[in-house]
Amino acid sequence: MSAADRTASVSDEPAATAGTDPVREDLARAETQVPIDADAMFEFASDIERLLRLNPHLDIETWQRMPDGMRFVAQNETTGQRIETAVRVETMRATRNIVLSYADGLKRATTLAVESGDGQGCRLVVTEHYPSIEDAQDPRVAEVDRSLIPWVNAIRRHLLDRKRWGWLPGWRWWHEGFMAGMAPRQRRIVRMIIWISVLEFVVFLFVAAIFWLERQGG
């Protein structure tokens, strides 16, 4: 098995196995069951910018749409690598496949495949393609993206939250617009501030309730 090979299944929690294809191309694959039908999942995945911004370890600095795809600059927190590449997007609606082909960098392509489920939603399979790396000491190993499993897990978690809370006014704007436009580190800070504020409010209510009860008892 070469350094870049890994396959993961994300359901409730990630798990992993591995494999290499016949043309000496290393593959990294993650898959997950999602709670929406296949057509809806394909439409969601077709918004490539939104999908990539869900990656909790990819800090997208600039994003430029192009006739056949896009060009973006980003920092991958898991590798420390700066990414600057054009991406050609091929969308195959009949088979519900989307292929992202990268002009620069070690990663050659990312394939998104949506498979029909058994009545419990559908399955999203994300496959990353790399040139074969036989030597684990090859410096290119440092460029292998380690954010695949967290990314697919984040997509699943987002879709679960979207199904549960998406009906609330402003929910999609907050999570898919405002928060998605921030760097991952900034999003983590915002979430921490929100939770601290909620905790402070709960403590305030608790103290206020005790004060009110004491006044009633007096």
C-alpha atoms as a PDB file:
ATOM      1  CA  MET A   1       0.000   0.000   0.000  1.00  0.00           C
ATOM      2  CA  SER A   2       1.403   3.424  -0.871  1.00  0.00           C
ATOM      3  CA  ALA A   3       1.463   6.475   1.355  1.00  0.00           C
ATOM      4  CA  ALA A   4      -1.585   8.194  -0.058  1.00  0.00           C
ATOM      5  CA  ASP A   5      -4.005   5.255  -0.064  1.00  0.00           C
ATOM      6  CA  ARG A   6      -6.940   5.393   2.323  1.00  0.00           C
ATOM      7  CA  THR A   7     -10.646   4.746   2.177  1.00  0.00           C
ATOM      8  CA  ALA A   8     -13.051   5.840   4.875  1.00  0.00           C
ATOM      9  CA  SER A   9     -16.683   5.293   5.654  1.00  0.00           C
ATOM     10  CA  VAL A  10     -18.449   8.030   7.601  1.00  0.00           C
ATOM     11  CA  SER A  11     -21.801   7.091   9.110  1.00  0.00           C
ATOM     12  CA  ASP A  12     -22.071   8.072  12.738  1.00  0.00           C
ATOM     13  CA  GLU A  13     -18.279   8.019  13.109  1.00  0.00           C
ATOM     14  CA  PRO A  14     -15.435   7.650  10.554  1.00  0.00           C
ATOM     15  CA  ALA A  15     -13.784   4.281   9.868  1.00  0.00           C
ATOM     16  CA  ALA A  16     -11.094   3.320   7.348  1.00  0.00           C
ATOM     17  CA  THR A  17      -9.683   0.711   4.904  1.00  0.00           C
ATOM     18  CA  ALA A  18      -7.568   1.144   1.742  1.00  0.00           C
ATOM     19  CA  GLY A  19      -6.864   0.317  -1.929  1.00  0.00           C
ATOM     20  CA  THR A  20      -5.145   1.346  -5.181  1.00  0.00           C
ATOM     21  CA  ASP A  21      -6.595   1.378  -8.677  1.00  0.00           C
ATOM     22  CA  PRO A  22      -5.126  -0.577 -11.645  1.00  0.00           C
ATOM     23  CA  VAL A  23      -3.415   2.450 -13.289  1.00  0.00           C
ATOM     24  CA  ARG A  24      -1.084   3.063 -10.345  1.00  0.00           C
ATOM     25  CA  GLU A  25      -3.065   5.986  -9.070  1.00  0.00           C
ATOM     26  CA  ASP A  26      -3.437   6.324  -5.325  1.00  0.00           C
ATOM     27  CA  LEU A  27      -6.960   6.895  -4.066  1.00  0.00           C
ATOM     28  CA  ALA A  28      -8.310   8.351  -0.841  1.00  0.00           C
ATOM     29  CA  ARG A  29     -12.037   7.774  -0.395  1.00  0.00           C
ATOM     30  CA  ALA A  30     -14.625   8.698   2.206  1.00  0.00           C
ATOM     31  CA  GLU A  31     -18.324   7.947   2.105  1.00  0.00           C
ATOM     32  CA  THR A  32     -21.324   8.738   4.250  1.00  0.00           C
ATOM     33  CA  GLN A  33     -25.053   8.176   4.432  1.00  0.00           C
ATOM     34  CA  VAL A  34     -26.948  11.464   4.306  1.00  0.00           C
ATOM     35  CA  PRO A  35     -30.601  12.117   5.262  1.00  0.00           C
ATOM     36  CA  ILE A  36     -31.815  13.559   1.920  1.00  0.00           C
ATOM     37  CA  ASP A  37     -32.734  11.977  -1.398  1.00  0.00           C
ATOM     38  CA  ALA A  38     -30.135  11.522  -4.132  1.00  0.00           C
ATOM     39  CA  ASP A  39     -31.372  14.351  -6.381  1.00  0.00           C
ATOM     40  CA  ALA A  40     -31.357  16.851  -3.509  1.00  0.00           C
ATOM     41  CA  MET A  41     -27.880  15.698  -2.473  1.00  0.00           C
ATOM     42  CA  PHE A  42     -26.605  16.145  -6.031  1.00  0.00           C
ATOM     43  CA  GLU A  43     -28.006  19.684  -6.173  1.00  0.00           C
ATOM     44  CA  PHE A  44     -26.383  20.477  -2.822  1.00  0.00           C
ATOM     45  CA  ALA A  45     -23.031  19.062  -3.949  1.00  0.00           C
ATOM     46  CA  SER A  46     -23.207  21.021  -7.206  1.00  0.00           C
ATOM     47  CA  ASP A  47     -22.514  24.222  -5.254  1.00  0.00           C
ATOM     48  CA  ILE A  48     -18.776  23.534  -5.113  1.00  0.00           C
ATOM     49  CA  GLU A  49     -17.849  26.683  -3.204  1.00  0.00           C
ATOM     50  CA  ARG A  50     -20.330  25.949  -0.424  1.00  0.00           C
ATOM     51  CA  LEU A  51     -19.193  22.328  -0.287  1.00  0.00           C
ATOM     52  CA  LEU A  52     -15.495  23.177  -0.012  1.00  0.00           C
ATOM     53  CA  ARG A  53     -16.135  25.868   2.587  1.00  0.00           C
ATOM     54  CA  LEU A  54     -17.678  23.185   4.814  1.00  0.00           C
ATOM     55  CA  ASN A  55     -14.199  21.667   5.125  1.00  0.00           C
ATOM     56  CA  PRO A  56     -13.193  22.548   8.721  1.00  0.00           C
ATOM     57  CA  HIS A  57      -9.493  22.567   7.806  1.00  0.00           C
ATOM     58  CA  LEU A  58      -9.528  24.507   4.532  1.00  0.00           C
ATOM     59  CA  ASP A  59      -9.060  28.269   4.820  1.00  0.00           C
ATOM     60  CA  ILE A  60     -10.220  29.671   1.469  1.00  0.00           C
ATOM     61  CA  GLU A  61      -8.676  33.106   0.939  1.00  0.00           C
ATOM     62  CA  THR A  62      -9.868  33.937  -2.574  1.00  0.00           C
ATOM     63  CA  TRP A  63     -12.416  32.379  -4.921  1.00  0.00           C
ATOM     64  CA  GLN A  64     -12.798  33.251  -8.586  1.00  0.00           C
ATOM     65  CA  ARG A  65     -15.416  31.713 -10.852  1.00  0.00           C
ATOM     66  CA  MET A  66     -14.259  30.663 -14.311  1.00  0.00           C
ATOM     67  CA  PRO A  67     -16.180  29.462 -17.401  1.00  0.00           C
ATOM     68  CA  ASP A  68     -15.293  25.794 -16.793  1.00  0.00           C
ATOM     69  CA  GLY A  69     -14.929  25.900 -13.014  1.00  0.00           C
ATOM     70  CA  MET A  70     -13.059  28.153 -10.622  1.00  0.00           C
ATOM     71  CA  ARG A  71      -9.707  29.257  -9.297  1.00  0.00           C
ATOM     72  CA  PHE A  72      -9.022  29.543  -5.597  1.00  0.00           C
ATOM     73  CA  VAL A  73      -6.282  30.193  -3.083  1.00  0.00           C
ATOM     74  CA  ALA A  74      -6.456  28.401   0.256  1.00  0.00           C
ATOM     75  CA  GLN A  75      -4.452  27.153   3.209  1.00  0.00           C
ATOM     76  CA  ASN A  76      -4.821  23.527   4.276  1.00  0.00           C
ATOM     77  CA  GLU A  77      -4.479  23.382   8.061  1.00  0.00           C
ATOM     78  CA  THR A  78      -3.782  19.622   8.109  1.00  0.00           C
ATOM     79  CA  THR A  79      -0.737  19.818   5.828  1.00  0.00           C
ATOM     80  CA  GLY A  80       0.361  23.432   6.215  1.00  0.00           C
ATOM     81  CA  GLN A  81       0.331  23.621   2.419  1.00  0.00           C
ATOM     82  CA  ARG A  82      -0.809  26.702   0.528  1.00  0.00           C
ATOM     83  CA  ILE A  83      -3.068  25.802  -2.388  1.00  0.00           C
ATOM     84  CA  GLU A  84      -3.324  27.972  -5.463  1.00  0.00           C
ATOM     85  CA  THR A  85      -4.950  26.236  -8.413  1.00  0.00           C
ATOM     86  CA  ALA A  86      -7.513  26.385 -11.165  1.00  0.00           C
ATOM     87  CA  VAL A  87     -10.170  23.676 -11.026  1.00  0.00           C
ATOM     88  CA  ARG A  88     -12.139  22.291 -13.948  1.00  0.00           C
ATOM     89  CA  VAL A  89     -15.606  21.082 -12.945  1.00  0.00           C
ATOM     90  CA  GLU A  90     -17.382  18.308 -14.851  1.00  0.00           C
ATOM     91  CA  THR A  91     -20.982  17.641 -13.821  1.00  0.00           C
ATOM     92  CA  MET A  92     -22.667  14.408 -14.956  1.00  0.00           C
ATOM     93  CA  ARG A  93     -26.281  14.713 -13.925  1.00  0.00           C
ATOM     94  CA  ALA A  94     -27.328  11.354 -15.397  1.00  0.00           C
ATOM     95  CA  THR A  95     -24.964   9.449 -13.098  1.00  0.00           C
ATOM     96  CA  ARG A  96     -24.947  12.083 -10.325  1.00  0.00           C
ATOM     97  CA  ASN A  97     -21.176  12.443 -10.511  1.00  0.00           C
ATOM     98  CA  ILE A  98     -19.086  15.594 -10.211  1.00  0.00           C
ATOM     99  CA  VAL A  99     -15.365  15.642 -11.040  1.00  0.00           C
ATOM    100  CA  LEU A 100     -13.027  18.414  -9.897  1.00  0.00           C
ATOM    101  CA  SER A 101      -9.742  18.345 -11.856  1.00  0.00           C
ATOM    102  CA  TYR A 102      -6.887  20.385 -10.365  1.00  0.00           C
ATOM    103  CA  ALA A 103      -4.375  22.199 -12.561  1.00  0.00           C
ATOM    104  CA  ASP A 104      -1.685  22.401  -9.851  1.00  0.00           C
ATOM    105  CA  GLY A 105      -0.621  20.473  -6.772  1.00  0.00           C
ATOM    106  CA  LEU A 106      -0.202  16.785  -5.947  1.00  0.00           C
ATOM    107  CA  LYS A 107      -3.920  16.033  -5.886  1.00  0.00           C
ATOM    108  CA  ARG A 108      -5.090  15.326  -9.426  1.00  0.00           C
ATOM    109  CA  ALA A 109      -8.842  15.256  -8.919  1.00  0.00           C
ATOM    110  CA  THR A 110     -11.753  14.883  -6.516  1.00  0.00           C
ATOM    111  CA  THR A 111     -14.780  12.836  -7.545  1.00  0.00           C
ATOM    112  CA  LEU A 112     -18.147  13.316  -5.853  1.00  0.00           C
ATOM    113  CA  ALA A 113     -20.611  10.480  -6.449  1.00  0.00           C
ATOM    114  CA  VAL A 114     -24.173  10.394  -5.146  1.00  0.00           C
ATOM    115  CA  GLU A 115     -25.684   6.922  -4.869  1.00  0.00           C
ATOM    116  CA  SER A 116     -29.333   6.126  -4.207  1.00  0.00           C
ATOM    117  CA  GLY A 117     -30.027   4.771  -0.759  1.00  0.00           C
ATOM    118  CA  ASP A 118     -32.422   2.148   0.560  1.00  0.00           C
ATOM    119  CA  GLY A 119     -35.136   4.562   1.612  1.00  0.00           C
ATOM    120  CA  GLN A 120     -32.951   6.145   4.286  1.00  0.00           C
ATOM    121  CA  GLY A 121     -31.603   8.993   2.177  1.00  0.00           C
ATOM    122  CA  CYS A 122     -28.597   8.436  -0.097  1.00  0.00           C
ATOM    123  CA  ARG A 123     -24.866   7.863  -0.017  1.00  0.00           C
ATOM    124  CA  LEU A 124     -22.199  10.448  -0.826  1.00  0.00           C
ATOM    125  CA  VAL A 125     -18.840   9.026  -1.923  1.00  0.00           C
ATOM    126  CA  VAL A 126     -15.861  11.395  -2.178  1.00  0.00           C
ATOM    127  CA  THR A 127     -12.727  10.059  -3.888  1.00  0.00           C
ATOM    128  CA  GLU A 128      -9.429  11.928  -4.140  1.00  0.00           C
ATOM    129  CA  HIS A 129      -6.922  10.968  -6.840  1.00  0.00           C
ATOM    130  CA  TYR A 130      -3.137  11.190  -6.433  1.00  0.00           C
ATOM    131  CA  PRO A 131      -0.148   9.953  -8.441  1.00  0.00           C
ATOM    132  CA  SER A 132       1.232   6.720  -7.029  1.00  0.00           C
ATOM    133  CA  ILE A 133       3.758   7.284  -4.221  1.00  0.00           C
ATOM    134  CA  GLU A 134       5.622   4.082  -3.297  1.00  0.00           C
ATOM    135  CA  ASP A 135       8.237   5.598  -1.004  1.00  0.00           C
ATOM    136  CA  ALA A 136       6.852   6.749   2.340  1.00  0.00           C
ATOM    137  CA  GLN A 137       9.872   9.068   2.635  1.00  0.00           C
ATOM    138  CA  ASP A 138       8.954  10.893  -0.565  1.00  0.00           C
ATOM    139  CA  PRO A 139       8.565  14.602   0.359  1.00  0.00           C
ATOM    140  CA  ARG A 140       5.356  14.724  -1.692  1.00  0.00           C
ATOM    141  CA  VAL A 141       3.655  12.677   1.033  1.00  0.00           C
ATOM    142  CA  ALA A 142       3.448  15.907   3.040  1.00  0.00           C
ATOM    143  CA  GLU A 143       1.016  17.236   0.409  1.00  0.00           C
ATOM    144  CA  VAL A 144      -1.532  14.420   0.858  1.00  0.00           C
ATOM    145  CA  ASP A 145      -4.709  16.055   2.138  1.00  0.00           C
ATOM    146  CA  ARG A 146      -5.586  14.762   5.611  1.00  0.00           C
ATOM    147  CA  SER A 147      -8.819  16.722   5.862  1.00  0.00           C
ATOM    148  CA  LEU A 148     -10.918  14.298   3.778  1.00  0.00           C
ATOM    149  CA  ILE A 149     -12.585  12.451   6.661  1.00  0.00           C
ATOM    150  CA  PRO A 150     -13.268  15.615   8.733  1.00  0.00           C
ATOM    151  CA  TRP A 151     -14.642  17.266   5.577  1.00  0.00           C
ATOM    152  CA  VAL A 152     -17.073  14.461   4.746  1.00  0.00           C
ATOM    153  CA  ASN A 153     -18.058  14.234   8.400  1.00  0.00           C
ATOM    154  CA  ALA A 154     -18.723  18.014   8.382  1.00  0.00           C
ATOM    155  CA  ILE A 155     -20.905  17.673   5.270  1.00  0.00           C
ATOM    156  CA  ARG A 156     -22.986  14.975   6.968  1.00  0.00           C
ATOM    157  CA  ARG A 157     -23.277  16.970  10.190  1.00  0.00           C
ATOM    158  CA  HIS A 158     -24.279  20.092   8.263  1.00  0.00           C
ATOM    159  CA  LEU A 159     -26.984  18.221   6.329  1.00  0.00           C
ATOM    160  CA  LEU A 160     -28.361  16.732   9.554  1.00  0.00           C
ATOM    161  CA  ASP A 161     -28.491  20.202  11.120  1.00  0.00           C
ATOM    162  CA  ARG A 162     -29.969  21.638   7.914  1.00  0.00           C
ATOM    163  CA  LYS A 163     -32.753  19.054   7.956  1.00  0.00           C
ATOM    164  CA  ARG A 164     -33.512  19.786  11.611  1.00  0.00           C
ATOM    165  CA  TRP A 165     -33.057  23.569  11.761  1.00  0.00           C
ATOM    166  CA  GLY A 166     -33.089  24.760   8.148  1.00  0.00           C
ATOM    167  CA  TRP A 167     -36.689  25.952   8.442  1.00  0.00           C
ATOM    168  CA  LEU A 168     -35.662  28.655  10.932  1.00  0.00           C
ATOM    169  CA  PRO A 169     -35.430  32.142   9.374  1.00  0.00           C
ATOM    170  CA  GLY A 170     -31.807  33.088   8.829  1.00  0.00           C
ATOM    171  CA  TRP A 171     -30.377  29.651   9.627  1.00  0.00           C
ATOM    172  CA  ARG A 172     -29.072  28.983   6.112  1.00  0.00           C
ATOM    173  CA  TRP A 173     -27.749  32.524   5.719  1.00  0.00           C
ATOM    174  CA  TRP A 174     -25.861  32.244   9.016  1.00  0.00           C
ATOM    175  CA  HIS A 175     -24.342  28.796   8.398  1.00  0.00           C
ATOM    176  CA  GLU A 176     -23.951  28.725   4.609  1.00  0.00           C
ATOM    177  CA  GLY A 177     -23.262  32.420   4.066  1.00  0.00           C
ATOM    178  CA  PHE A 178     -21.856  34.359   7.011  1.00  0.00           C
ATOM    179  CA  MET A 179     -20.073  31.523   8.868  1.00  0.00           C
ATOM    180  CA  ALA A 180     -18.938  29.773   5.686  1.00  0.00           C
ATOM    181  CA  GLY A 181     -17.197  32.958   4.570  1.00  0.00           C
ATOM    182  CA  MET A 182     -14.920  32.905   7.622  1.00  0.00           C
ATOM    183  CA  ALA A 183     -11.669  31.055   8.051  1.00  0.00           C
ATOM    184  CA  PRO A 184     -12.071  27.790  10.023  1.00  0.00           C
ATOM    185  CA  ARG A 185     -10.211  29.263  13.004  1.00  0.00           C
ATOM    186  CA  GLN A 186     -12.529  32.281  13.056  1.00  0.00           C
ATOM    187  CA  ARG A 187     -15.578  30.001  12.914  1.00  0.00           C
ATOM    188  CA  ARG A 188     -14.304  28.070  15.915  1.00  0.00           C
ATOM    189  CA  ILE A 189     -13.797  31.324  17.835  1.00  0.00           C
ATOM    190  CA  VAL A 190     -17.310  32.543  16.968  1.00  0.00           C
ATOM    191  CA  ARG A 191     -18.829  29.247  18.121  1.00  0.00           C
ATOM    192  CA  MET A 192     -16.863  29.433  21.371  1.00  0.00           C
ATOM    193  CA  ILE A 193     -18.048  33.013  21.991  1.00  0.00           C
ATOM    194  CA  ILE A 194     -21.657  31.983  21.319  1.00  0.00           C
ATOM    195  CA  TRP A 195     -21.457  29.057  23.746  1.00  0.00           C
ATOM    196  CA  ILE A 196     -19.833  31.229  26.417  1.00  0.00           C
ATOM    197  CA  SER A 197     -22.571  33.835  25.947  1.00  0.00           C
ATOM    198  CA  VAL A 198     -25.280  31.162  26.246  1.00  0.00           C
ATOM    199  CA  LEU A 199     -23.647  29.800  29.402  1.00  0.00           C
ATOM    200  CA  GLU A 200     -23.434  33.287  30.902  1.00  0.00           C
ATOM    201  CA  PHE A 201     -27.118  33.881  30.128  1.00  0.00           C
ATOM    202  CA  VAL A 202     -28.093  30.578  31.751  1.00  0.00           C
ATOM    203  CA  VAL A 203     -26.100  31.492  34.866  1.00  0.00           C
ATOM    204  CA  PHE A 204     -27.765  34.925  34.904  1.00  0.00           C
ATOM    205  CA  LEU A 205     -31.221  33.309  34.730  1.00  0.00           C
ATOM    206  CA  PHE A 206     -30.263  30.902  37.533  1.00  0.00           C
ATOM    207  CA  VAL A 207     -29.079  33.748  39.787  1.00  0.00           C
ATOM    208  CA  ALA A 208     -32.147  35.843  38.921  1.00  0.00           C
ATOM    209  CA  ALA A 209     -34.433  32.890  39.753  1.00  0.00           C
ATOM    210  CA  ILE A 210     -32.747  32.428  43.156  1.00  0.00           C
ATOM    211  CA  PHE A 211     -33.076  36.159  43.901  1.00  0.00           C
ATOM    212  CA  TRP A 212     -36.751  36.126  42.906  1.00  0.00           C
ATOM    213  CA  LEU A 213     -37.471  33.059  45.070  1.00  0.00           C
ATOM    214  CA  GLU A 214     -35.760  34.688  48.053  1.00  0.00           C
ATOM    215  CA  ARG A 215     -37.854  37.818  47.628  1.00  0.00           C
ATOM    216  CA  GLN A 216     -41.008  35.733  47.370  1.00  0.00           C
ATOM    217  CA  GLY A 217     -40.049  33.814  50.499  1.00  0.00           C
ATOM    218  CA  GLY A 218     -39.333  37.028  52.376  1.00  0.00           C
END
